[in-house]
Amino acid sequence: MDEDTEARAAGEDRHLTTPSGLAFKALLEHTQGCEQCTDDPTECGTGRALVRTVREARRVESAATARVRDVHG
């Protein structure tokens, strides 16, 4: 893999290091091994908490991005 391809790949994965990306990754890892999530996701407290965490992190990131846009026009 050449340097340009590596830099592009690193940039494409940057979203996985944000709070919402990390929460989403944790949600995926949890649901893959959770029988309760497979049967009925609404019955798994951990899965529900992770979904709320992903949503909240996305909301906060979106608000922060909007503030930056407002400041920098």
C-alpha atoms as a PDB file:
ATOM      1  CA  MET A   1       0.000   0.000   0.000  1.00  0.00           C
ATOM      2  CA  ASP A   2       1.508   3.343  -0.990  1.00  0.00           C
ATOM      3  CA  GLU A   3       1.525   6.429   1.246  1.00  0.00           C
ATOM      4  CA  ASP A   4      -1.354   8.135  -0.568  1.00  0.00           C
ATOM      5  CA  THR A   5      -3.587   5.084  -0.170  1.00  0.00           C
ATOM      6  CA  GLU A   6      -2.624   4.740   3.505  1.00  0.00           C
ATOM      7  CA  ALA A   7      -3.405   8.405   4.178  1.00  0.00           C
ATOM      8  CA  ARG A   8      -6.763   8.090   2.442  1.00  0.00           C
ATOM      9  CA  ALA A   9      -7.584   4.932   4.411  1.00  0.00           C
ATOM     10  CA  ALA A  10      -6.643   6.623   7.676  1.00  0.00           C
ATOM     11  CA  GLY A  11      -8.883   9.564   6.827  1.00  0.00           C
ATOM     12  CA  GLU A  12     -11.775   7.274   5.969  1.00  0.00           C
ATOM     13  CA  ASP A  13     -11.516   5.573   9.356  1.00  0.00           C
ATOM     14  CA  ARG A  14     -11.294   8.827  11.304  1.00  0.00           C
ATOM     15  CA  HIS A  15     -15.037   8.691  12.068  1.00  0.00           C
ATOM     16  CA  LEU A  16     -14.432   5.516  14.056  1.00  0.00           C
ATOM     17  CA  THR A  17     -12.403   7.461  16.626  1.00  0.00           C
ATOM     18  CA  THR A  18     -15.163   9.966  17.430  1.00  0.00           C
ATOM     19  CA  PRO A  19     -17.318   9.391  20.501  1.00  0.00           C
ATOM     20  CA  SER A  20     -20.278   8.314  18.347  1.00  0.00           C
ATOM     21  CA  GLY A  21     -18.039   6.036  16.283  1.00  0.00           C
ATOM     22  CA  LEU A  22     -16.639   4.375  19.374  1.00  0.00           C
ATOM     23  CA  ALA A  23     -20.124   3.967  20.839  1.00  0.00           C
ATOM     24  CA  PHE A  24     -21.388   2.502  17.559  1.00  0.00           C
ATOM     25  CA  LYS A  25     -18.457   0.088  17.470  1.00  0.00           C
ATOM     26  CA  ALA A  26     -19.260  -1.004  21.037  1.00  0.00           C
ATOM     27  CA  LEU A  27     -22.919  -1.466  20.059  1.00  0.00           C
ATOM     28  CA  LEU A  28     -21.953  -3.662  17.108  1.00  0.00           C
ATOM     29  CA  GLU A  29     -19.588  -5.747  19.210  1.00  0.00           C
ATOM     30  CA  HIS A  30     -22.248  -6.179  21.898  1.00  0.00           C
ATOM     31  CA  THR A  31     -25.104  -7.117  19.581  1.00  0.00           C
ATOM     32  CA  GLN A  32     -23.052  -9.711  17.718  1.00  0.00           C
ATOM     33  CA  GLY A  33     -22.663 -11.753  20.871  1.00  0.00           C
ATOM     34  CA  CYS A  34     -25.876 -10.952  22.742  1.00  0.00           C
ATOM     35  CA  GLU A  35     -28.652 -13.524  22.423  1.00  0.00           C
ATOM     36  CA  GLN A  36     -31.124 -11.121  23.985  1.00  0.00           C
ATOM     37  CA  CYS A  37     -30.374  -8.481  21.324  1.00  0.00           C
ATOM     38  CA  THR A  38     -30.859 -11.105  18.623  1.00  0.00           C
ATOM     39  CA  ASP A  39     -34.212 -12.251  20.052  1.00  0.00           C
ATOM     40  CA  ASP A  40     -35.667  -8.882  21.089  1.00  0.00           C
ATOM     41  CA  PRO A  41     -33.370  -5.834  21.231  1.00  0.00           C
ATOM     42  CA  THR A  42     -35.862  -3.872  23.325  1.00  0.00           C
ATOM     43  CA  GLU A  43     -35.357  -6.325  26.187  1.00  0.00           C
ATOM     44  CA  CYS A  44     -31.583  -5.834  26.488  1.00  0.00           C
ATOM     45  CA  GLY A  45     -30.647  -3.036  28.863  1.00  0.00           C
ATOM     46  CA  THR A  46     -27.059  -2.894  27.647  1.00  0.00           C
ATOM     47  CA  GLY A  47     -28.107  -2.690  24.008  1.00  0.00           C
ATOM     48  CA  ARG A  48     -30.652   0.050  24.747  1.00  0.00           C
ATOM     49  CA  ALA A  49     -28.065   2.026  26.710  1.00  0.00           C
ATOM     50  CA  LEU A  50     -25.568   1.752  23.866  1.00  0.00           C
ATOM     51  CA  VAL A  51     -28.169   2.928  21.329  1.00  0.00           C
ATOM     52  CA  ARG A  52     -28.937   5.951  23.537  1.00  0.00           C
ATOM     53  CA  THR A  53     -25.211   6.641  23.839  1.00  0.00           C
ATOM     54  CA  VAL A  54     -24.746   6.565  20.059  1.00  0.00           C
ATOM     55  CA  ARG A  55     -27.702   8.938  19.557  1.00  0.00           C
ATOM     56  CA  GLU A  56     -26.529  11.351  22.229  1.00  0.00           C
ATOM     57  CA  ALA A  57     -22.954  11.378  20.927  1.00  0.00           C
ATOM     58  CA  ARG A  58     -24.191  12.083  17.391  1.00  0.00           C
ATOM     59  CA  ARG A  59     -26.422  14.876  18.689  1.00  0.00           C
ATOM     60  CA  VAL A  60     -23.532  16.495  20.574  1.00  0.00           C
ATOM     61  CA  GLU A  61     -21.164  16.137  17.611  1.00  0.00           C
ATOM     62  CA  SER A  62     -23.750  17.628  15.274  1.00  0.00           C
ATOM     63  CA  ALA A  63     -24.324  20.586  17.584  1.00  0.00           C
ATOM     64  CA  ALA A  64     -20.574  21.160  17.906  1.00  0.00           C
ATOM     65  CA  THR A  65     -20.165  21.077  14.126  1.00  0.00           C
ATOM     66  CA  ALA A  66     -22.991  23.577  13.717  1.00  0.00           C
ATOM     67  CA  ARG A  67     -21.366  25.922  16.252  1.00  0.00           C
ATOM     68  CA  VAL A  68     -18.056  25.743  14.385  1.00  0.00           C
ATOM     69  CA  ARG A  69     -19.823  26.554  11.113  1.00  0.00           C
ATOM     70  CA  ASP A  70     -21.550  29.529  12.742  1.00  0.00           C
ATOM     71  CA  VAL A  71     -18.272  30.874  14.096  1.00  0.00           C
ATOM     72  CA  HIS A  72     -16.282  30.358  10.905  1.00  0.00           C
ATOM     73  CA  GLY A  73     -19.139  31.184   8.530  1.00  0.00           C
END
